[in-house]
Amino acid sequence: TIFDSQQSTLQVVALVPQAGQVSFWHRESSEASFDYLQFFIDNSMQQEWSGNLAWSQATYPVAAGMHTFRWVYSKDGSVSSFEDAVYIDDVFIGPP
């Protein structure tokens, strides 16, 4: 559980032996345009989502080497309904 003006982070550091991809499923139930789930590869933001979104899959190319994959859910300073949530599932890192 996080409250207004807080964030929650999931980080995975992995060695990718050959060029491939990272993919995962995500779902959001948050205040649209204010509370965001952001995804980063090596501190470079790839995409962000907010609002009430159904399960969808995201896929990004990844070069060979050591990489940091990070998901950050940030809440703004207002309108907390205690029903806001984000979900990440079935993370895959490997060849396409």
Protein backbone atom coordinates (compact mmCIF):
# COMPACT_ATOMS: atom_id res chain seq x y z
CA THR A 1 0.00 0.00 0.00
CA ILE A 2 1.25 3.46 -0.88
CA PHE A 3 -0.36 6.82 -0.18
CA ASP A 4 -0.39 10.26 -1.81
CA SER A 5 3.02 11.55 -2.93
CA GLN A 6 4.64 8.09 -2.57
CA GLN A 7 5.98 5.55 -5.01
CA SER A 8 6.64 1.84 -5.23
CA THR A 9 9.47 0.33 -7.28
CA LEU A 10 10.23 -3.12 -8.69
CA GLN A 11 13.74 -3.55 -10.10
CA VAL A 12 15.34 -6.52 -11.85
CA VAL A 13 19.01 -6.62 -12.87
CA ALA A 14 19.74 -9.31 -15.45
CA LEU A 15 22.47 -10.43 -17.81
CA VAL A 16 21.00 -10.82 -21.29
CA PRO A 17 23.35 -13.25 -23.11
CA GLN A 18 22.17 -12.31 -26.61
CA ALA A 19 19.97 -9.64 -28.15
CA GLY A 20 16.36 -10.29 -27.32
CA GLN A 21 13.42 -8.68 -25.58
CA VAL A 22 11.78 -7.92 -22.29
CA SER A 23 8.04 -8.40 -22.12
CA PHE A 24 5.47 -8.24 -19.34
CA TRP A 25 1.76 -7.91 -18.73
CA HIS A 26 0.43 -4.90 -16.83
CA ARG A 27 -2.90 -3.53 -15.61
CA GLU A 28 -3.63 -0.13 -14.06
CA SER A 29 -6.43 1.23 -11.95
CA SER A 30 -5.27 4.73 -11.12
CA GLU A 31 -6.12 8.40 -11.38
CA ALA A 32 -5.80 9.18 -15.10
CA SER A 33 -3.09 11.71 -16.01
CA PHE A 34 -1.87 11.97 -12.39
CA ASP A 35 -0.77 8.54 -11.05
CA TYR A 36 1.60 6.68 -13.37
CA LEU A 37 3.21 3.32 -13.87
CA GLN A 38 6.52 3.94 -15.64
CA PHE A 39 8.87 1.37 -17.15
CA PHE A 40 12.62 1.97 -17.51
CA ILE A 41 15.47 0.08 -19.15
CA ASP A 42 18.86 1.23 -17.83
CA ASN A 43 17.35 4.48 -16.43
CA SER A 44 15.77 5.36 -19.79
CA MET A 45 11.99 5.57 -19.57
CA GLN A 46 10.36 3.44 -22.24
CA GLN A 47 6.69 4.16 -21.56
CA GLU A 48 4.20 5.24 -18.91
CA TRP A 49 0.53 4.43 -18.29
CA SER A 50 -2.27 5.85 -16.13
CA GLY A 51 -6.02 5.49 -15.76
CA ASN A 52 -8.17 2.38 -15.77
CA LEU A 53 -6.56 0.05 -18.27
CA ALA A 54 -7.21 -3.66 -18.82
CA TRP A 55 -4.44 -6.25 -18.92
CA SER A 56 -2.11 -5.63 -21.87
CA GLN A 57 1.32 -6.85 -22.87
CA ALA A 58 4.32 -4.58 -23.41
CA THR A 59 7.43 -5.73 -25.31
CA TYR A 60 10.75 -3.91 -25.82
CA PRO A 61 13.97 -4.92 -27.62
CA VAL A 62 17.05 -5.47 -25.45
CA ALA A 63 20.69 -5.67 -26.56
CA ALA A 64 23.04 -8.28 -25.11
CA GLY A 65 24.66 -7.29 -21.82
CA MET A 66 23.81 -6.40 -18.22
CA HIS A 67 20.58 -4.41 -17.89
CA THR A 68 18.41 -2.90 -15.16
CA PHE A 69 14.66 -3.16 -15.69
CA ARG A 70 12.60 -0.95 -13.37
CA TRP A 71 8.88 -0.39 -12.87
CA VAL A 72 7.83 2.65 -10.80
CA TYR A 73 4.30 3.46 -9.67
CA SER A 74 4.02 7.06 -8.47
CA LYS A 75 1.01 8.70 -6.85
CA ASP A 76 0.47 12.43 -6.89
CA GLY A 77 -0.53 14.43 -3.82
CA SER A 78 -4.32 14.18 -4.05
CA VAL A 79 -7.46 12.14 -4.75
CA SER A 80 -6.54 8.90 -3.04
CA SER A 81 -9.44 6.47 -3.17
CA PHE A 82 -7.47 3.54 -1.72
CA GLU A 83 -8.58 1.56 -4.75
CA ASP A 84 -5.67 2.63 -6.95
CA ALA A 85 -3.49 -0.30 -7.97
CA VAL A 86 -1.12 -1.47 -10.65
CA TYR A 87 -0.23 -5.05 -11.50
CA ILE A 88 2.77 -6.52 -13.30
CA ASP A 89 2.83 -10.18 -14.28
CA ASP A 90 4.65 -12.74 -16.43
CA VAL A 91 7.91 -10.84 -16.91
CA PHE A 92 10.03 -12.47 -19.65
CA ILE A 93 13.61 -11.56 -20.57
CA GLY A 94 15.18 -13.52 -23.41
CA PRO A 95 15.12 -14.30 -27.11
CA PRO A 96 12.01 -13.38 -29.12
